[in-house]
């Protein structure tokens, strides 16, 4: 059975399309000028300010280029051991019932 290439659902603002197929995602991200984000993104802009997720068009392209190197496979692969060591150190200090706010570590 072939996995779905995209998912479509109804929302109060209209149809909502979620791309699943990697080829469709690549086409979408390389042709942002042809797509319009959902009106719900206005709420996302309020929450996330004017970052990459809510940006569109040339603004999106500019912001994406500025962060693309940190999502490159080789970069992520190189920092995984450090992230694991930091996580292990913090976990070792926890006692049963301790609560932590992960946002403190970002």
N, C-alpha and C. Protein backbone atom coordinates (compact mmCIF):
# COMPACT_ATOMS: atom_id res chain seq x y z
N UNK A 1 0.85 -1.19 0.00
CA UNK A 1 0.00 0.00 0.00
C UNK A 1 0.89 1.24 0.00
N UNK A 2 0.58 2.18 -0.86
CA UNK A 2 1.33 3.42 -0.95
C UNK A 2 0.87 4.41 0.11
N UNK A 3 1.82 5.06 0.78
CA UNK A 3 1.43 6.07 1.78
C UNK A 3 0.83 7.28 1.07
N UNK A 4 0.01 8.06 1.79
CA UNK A 4 -0.59 9.25 1.16
C UNK A 4 0.46 10.30 0.82
N UNK A 5 0.22 11.06 -0.23
CA UNK A 5 1.13 12.13 -0.63
C UNK A 5 0.76 13.44 0.05
N UNK A 6 -0.53 13.57 0.36
CA UNK A 6 -1.00 14.75 1.07
C UNK A 6 -2.29 14.42 1.79
N UNK A 7 -2.61 15.22 2.78
CA UNK A 7 -3.85 15.06 3.55
C UNK A 7 -4.64 16.35 3.43
N UNK A 8 -5.94 16.23 3.24
CA UNK A 8 -6.80 17.40 3.12
C UNK A 8 -7.91 17.28 4.16
N UNK A 9 -8.14 18.38 4.88
CA UNK A 9 -9.23 18.40 5.85
C UNK A 9 -9.93 19.75 5.79
N UNK A 10 -11.15 19.78 6.30
CA UNK A 10 -11.93 21.02 6.31
C UNK A 10 -11.72 21.76 7.62
N UNK A 11 -11.55 23.06 7.51
CA UNK A 11 -11.42 23.94 8.67
C UNK A 11 -12.35 25.13 8.45
N UNK A 12 -12.67 25.86 9.51
CA UNK A 12 -13.57 27.01 9.35
C UNK A 12 -13.11 28.02 8.30
N UNK A 13 -11.80 28.12 8.09
CA UNK A 13 -11.29 29.08 7.12
C UNK A 13 -11.17 28.51 5.72
N UNK A 14 -11.48 27.21 5.54
CA UNK A 14 -11.40 26.57 4.23
C UNK A 14 -10.65 25.26 4.31
N UNK A 15 -10.29 24.73 3.16
CA UNK A 15 -9.57 23.46 3.10
C UNK A 15 -8.16 23.64 3.66
N UNK A 16 -7.69 22.63 4.36
CA UNK A 16 -6.35 22.63 4.94
C UNK A 16 -5.59 21.47 4.33
N UNK A 17 -4.48 21.75 3.68
CA UNK A 17 -3.69 20.72 3.00
C UNK A 17 -2.39 20.52 3.75
N UNK A 18 -2.12 19.26 4.10
CA UNK A 18 -0.85 18.90 4.75
C UNK A 18 -0.06 18.03 3.78
N UNK A 19 1.10 18.48 3.40
CA UNK A 19 1.94 17.71 2.48
C UNK A 19 2.71 16.66 3.26
N UNK A 20 2.73 15.44 2.75
CA UNK A 20 3.41 14.34 3.41
C UNK A 20 4.57 13.83 2.55
N UNK A 21 4.37 13.79 1.26
CA UNK A 21 5.37 13.28 0.33
C UNK A 21 6.59 14.20 0.27
N UNK A 22 7.80 13.67 0.46
CA UNK A 22 9.01 14.51 0.44
C UNK A 22 9.18 15.31 -0.85
N UNK A 23 8.80 14.73 -2.00
CA UNK A 23 8.93 15.46 -3.26
C UNK A 23 7.99 16.66 -3.30
N UNK A 24 6.78 16.49 -2.78
CA UNK A 24 5.84 17.61 -2.73
C UNK A 24 6.32 18.68 -1.76
N UNK A 25 6.86 18.25 -0.63
CA UNK A 25 7.40 19.21 0.34
C UNK A 25 8.54 20.02 -0.27
N UNK A 26 9.42 19.34 -0.99
CA UNK A 26 10.55 20.03 -1.63
C UNK A 26 10.03 21.05 -2.65
N UNK A 27 9.05 20.63 -3.47
CA UNK A 27 8.48 21.55 -4.46
C UNK A 27 7.84 22.75 -3.77
N UNK A 28 7.13 22.49 -2.67
CA UNK A 28 6.50 23.58 -1.93
C UNK A 28 7.54 24.57 -1.41
N UNK A 29 8.58 24.06 -0.76
CA UNK A 29 9.57 24.94 -0.16
C UNK A 29 10.43 25.68 -1.18
N UNK A 30 10.54 25.14 -2.38
CA UNK A 30 11.32 25.82 -3.41
C UNK A 30 10.47 26.75 -4.28
N UNK A 31 9.17 26.77 -4.05
CA UNK A 31 8.28 27.61 -4.85
C UNK A 31 7.28 28.35 -3.96
N UNK A 32 7.77 28.92 -2.88
CA UNK A 32 6.91 29.61 -1.92
C UNK A 32 6.05 30.70 -2.55
N UNK A 33 6.53 31.30 -3.61
CA UNK A 33 5.81 32.42 -4.22
C UNK A 33 4.45 32.01 -4.78
N UNK A 34 4.22 30.71 -4.98
CA UNK A 34 2.96 30.24 -5.54
C UNK A 34 1.93 29.83 -4.49
N UNK A 35 2.30 29.89 -3.23
CA UNK A 35 1.42 29.40 -2.17
C UNK A 35 1.10 30.49 -1.16
N UNK A 36 -0.07 30.37 -0.58
CA UNK A 36 -0.48 31.31 0.46
C UNK A 36 -0.75 30.50 1.73
N UNK A 37 -0.23 30.97 2.84
CA UNK A 37 -0.45 30.27 4.10
C UNK A 37 -1.85 30.56 4.63
N UNK A 38 -2.30 29.70 5.48
CA UNK A 38 -3.64 29.79 6.06
C UNK A 38 -3.81 31.10 6.83
N UNK A 39 -5.05 31.63 6.85
CA UNK A 39 -5.33 32.80 7.68
C UNK A 39 -5.04 32.53 9.16
N UNK A 40 -5.05 31.26 9.55
CA UNK A 40 -4.72 30.91 10.94
C UNK A 40 -3.27 31.27 11.27
N UNK A 41 -2.44 31.43 10.24
CA UNK A 41 -1.05 31.80 10.47
C UNK A 41 -0.94 33.18 11.11
N UNK A 42 -1.97 34.00 10.97
CA UNK A 42 -1.95 35.31 11.64
C UNK A 42 -1.88 35.13 13.15
N UNK A 43 -2.58 34.10 13.66
CA UNK A 43 -2.50 33.81 15.09
C UNK A 43 -1.12 33.29 15.46
N UNK A 44 -0.55 32.49 14.57
CA UNK A 44 0.80 31.98 14.81
C UNK A 44 1.79 33.14 14.85
N UNK A 45 1.60 34.12 13.98
CA UNK A 45 2.48 35.30 13.97
C UNK A 45 2.43 36.02 15.31
N UNK A 46 1.24 36.07 15.90
CA UNK A 46 1.11 36.73 17.20
C UNK A 46 1.91 35.97 18.25
N UNK A 47 1.82 34.64 18.22
CA UNK A 47 2.51 33.81 19.21
C UNK A 47 4.01 33.73 18.98
N UNK A 48 4.40 33.58 17.71
CA UNK A 48 5.82 33.36 17.38
C UNK A 48 6.49 34.60 16.81
N UNK A 49 5.80 35.69 16.86
CA UNK A 49 6.26 36.95 16.28
C UNK A 49 6.44 36.77 14.78
N UNK A 50 7.45 37.35 14.21
CA UNK A 50 7.58 37.34 12.75
C UNK A 50 8.72 36.42 12.32
N UNK A 51 8.67 35.17 12.77
CA UNK A 51 9.73 34.22 12.47
C UNK A 51 9.52 33.47 11.17
N UNK A 52 10.33 32.47 10.97
CA UNK A 52 10.32 31.68 9.74
C UNK A 52 8.98 30.99 9.49
N UNK A 53 8.37 30.42 10.51
CA UNK A 53 7.14 29.65 10.35
C UNK A 53 6.02 30.49 9.75
N UNK A 54 5.89 31.71 10.17
CA UNK A 54 4.79 32.56 9.71
C UNK A 54 5.15 33.42 8.50
N UNK A 55 6.42 33.47 8.15
CA UNK A 55 6.85 34.32 7.04
C UNK A 55 6.38 33.77 5.69
N UNK A 56 6.28 34.66 4.71
CA UNK A 56 5.87 34.25 3.36
C UNK A 56 6.75 34.96 2.34
N UNK A 57 6.75 34.38 1.12
CA UNK A 57 7.43 35.00 -0.02
C UNK A 57 8.91 35.23 0.19
N UNK A 58 9.37 36.40 -0.24
CA UNK A 58 10.80 36.74 -0.15
C UNK A 58 11.28 36.79 1.29
N UNK A 59 10.39 37.23 2.20
CA UNK A 59 10.74 37.28 3.62
C UNK A 59 11.04 35.87 4.13
N UNK A 60 10.20 34.90 3.75
CA UNK A 60 10.41 33.51 4.15
C UNK A 60 11.73 32.99 3.59
N UNK A 61 11.97 33.27 2.30
CA UNK A 61 13.19 32.80 1.64
C UNK A 61 14.44 33.33 2.34
N UNK A 62 14.42 34.61 2.67
CA UNK A 62 15.55 35.25 3.35
C UNK A 62 15.79 34.61 4.73
N UNK A 63 14.71 34.41 5.48
CA UNK A 63 14.83 33.83 6.83
C UNK A 63 15.26 32.37 6.76
N UNK A 64 14.75 31.63 5.79
CA UNK A 64 15.12 30.23 5.64
C UNK A 64 16.61 30.10 5.32
N UNK A 65 17.11 30.93 4.43
CA UNK A 65 18.53 30.88 4.09
C UNK A 65 19.41 31.18 5.30
N UNK A 66 18.93 32.06 6.17
CA UNK A 66 19.75 32.44 7.33
C UNK A 66 19.87 31.32 8.36
N UNK A 67 18.93 30.37 8.36
CA UNK A 67 18.99 29.28 9.35
C UNK A 67 19.23 27.90 8.74
N UNK A 68 19.31 27.80 7.43
CA UNK A 68 19.38 26.48 6.82
C UNK A 68 20.60 25.67 7.23
N UNK A 69 21.71 26.30 7.53
CA UNK A 69 22.91 25.53 7.88
C UNK A 69 22.75 24.76 9.19
N UNK A 70 21.94 25.26 10.12
CA UNK A 70 21.78 24.56 11.39
C UNK A 70 20.87 23.34 11.25
N UNK A 71 20.19 23.19 10.12
CA UNK A 71 19.36 22.01 9.89
C UNK A 71 20.02 21.03 8.92
N UNK A 72 21.24 21.34 8.51
CA UNK A 72 21.96 20.44 7.60
C UNK A 72 22.31 19.16 8.35
N UNK A 73 22.19 18.03 7.70
CA UNK A 73 22.39 16.73 8.33
C UNK A 73 23.74 16.63 9.03
N UNK A 74 24.80 17.03 8.38
CA UNK A 74 26.15 16.91 8.97
C UNK A 74 26.29 17.75 10.23
N UNK A 75 25.69 18.93 10.24
CA UNK A 75 25.74 19.78 11.44
C UNK A 75 24.98 19.11 12.58
N UNK A 76 23.77 18.64 12.29
CA UNK A 76 22.97 17.99 13.33
C UNK A 76 23.68 16.74 13.85
N UNK A 77 24.25 15.97 12.95
CA UNK A 77 24.97 14.75 13.33
C UNK A 77 26.15 15.09 14.25
N UNK A 78 26.80 16.20 14.00
CA UNK A 78 27.96 16.60 14.80
C UNK A 78 27.58 17.06 16.21
N UNK A 79 26.39 17.64 16.38
CA UNK A 79 26.05 18.15 17.70
C UNK A 79 25.28 17.16 18.57
N UNK A 80 24.84 16.03 17.99
CA UNK A 80 24.08 15.05 18.77
C UNK A 80 24.85 14.56 20.00
N UNK A 81 26.14 14.19 19.89
CA UNK A 81 26.85 13.72 21.08
C UNK A 81 26.89 14.76 22.21
N UNK A 82 27.08 16.01 21.88
CA UNK A 82 27.09 17.06 22.90
C UNK A 82 25.71 17.20 23.54
N UNK A 83 24.66 17.17 22.73
CA UNK A 83 23.31 17.27 23.26
C UNK A 83 23.00 16.09 24.18
N UNK A 84 23.45 14.91 23.80
CA UNK A 84 23.23 13.73 24.63
C UNK A 84 23.96 13.86 25.97
N UNK A 85 25.20 14.33 25.94
CA UNK A 85 25.97 14.49 27.19
C UNK A 85 25.31 15.50 28.12
N UNK A 86 24.86 16.61 27.57
CA UNK A 86 24.20 17.63 28.38
C UNK A 86 22.92 17.07 28.99
N UNK A 87 22.13 16.36 28.19
CA UNK A 87 20.88 15.77 28.68
C UNK A 87 21.17 14.76 29.79
N UNK A 88 22.17 13.91 29.61
CA UNK A 88 22.51 12.91 30.62
C UNK A 88 22.92 13.57 31.94
N UNK A 89 23.70 14.65 31.87
CA UNK A 89 24.12 15.36 33.08
C UNK A 89 22.91 15.92 33.83
N UNK A 90 21.99 16.52 33.11
CA UNK A 90 20.80 17.09 33.75
C UNK A 90 19.90 15.99 34.32
N UNK A 91 19.74 14.91 33.59
CA UNK A 91 18.91 13.81 34.07
C UNK A 91 19.48 13.21 35.34
N UNK A 92 20.80 13.13 35.42
CA UNK A 92 21.46 12.57 36.60
C UNK A 92 21.20 13.39 37.86
N UNK A 93 20.89 14.66 37.71
CA UNK A 93 20.64 15.52 38.88
C UNK A 93 19.19 15.47 39.36
N UNK A 94 18.32 14.87 38.58
CA UNK A 94 16.89 14.84 38.93
C UNK A 94 16.58 13.78 39.98
N UNK A 95 15.62 14.11 40.82
CA UNK A 95 15.12 13.17 41.81
C UNK A 95 13.68 12.83 41.45
N UNK A 96 13.17 11.67 41.87
CA UNK A 96 11.77 11.34 41.56
C UNK A 96 10.82 12.47 41.98
N UNK A 97 9.95 12.84 41.10
CA UNK A 97 8.97 13.90 41.38
C UNK A 97 9.44 15.29 40.98
N UNK A 98 10.73 15.44 40.65
CA UNK A 98 11.22 16.75 40.20
C UNK A 98 10.52 17.16 38.90
N UNK A 99 10.27 18.45 38.79
CA UNK A 99 9.69 18.99 37.57
C UNK A 99 10.67 19.97 36.97
N UNK A 100 10.76 19.96 35.66
CA UNK A 100 11.64 20.90 34.98
C UNK A 100 10.88 21.58 33.84
N UNK A 101 11.30 22.76 33.51
CA UNK A 101 10.75 23.47 32.37
C UNK A 101 11.80 23.38 31.25
N UNK A 102 11.50 22.63 30.21
CA UNK A 102 12.45 22.44 29.13
C UNK A 102 12.83 23.75 28.45
N UNK A 103 11.97 24.75 28.52
CA UNK A 103 12.29 26.04 27.90
C UNK A 103 13.49 26.70 28.57
N UNK A 104 13.80 26.31 29.82
CA UNK A 104 14.98 26.83 30.48
C UNK A 104 16.26 26.38 29.82
N UNK A 105 16.20 25.33 29.02
CA UNK A 105 17.40 24.77 28.39
C UNK A 105 17.55 25.14 26.93
N UNK A 106 16.64 25.94 26.44
CA UNK A 106 16.72 26.33 25.03
C UNK A 106 17.45 27.64 24.88
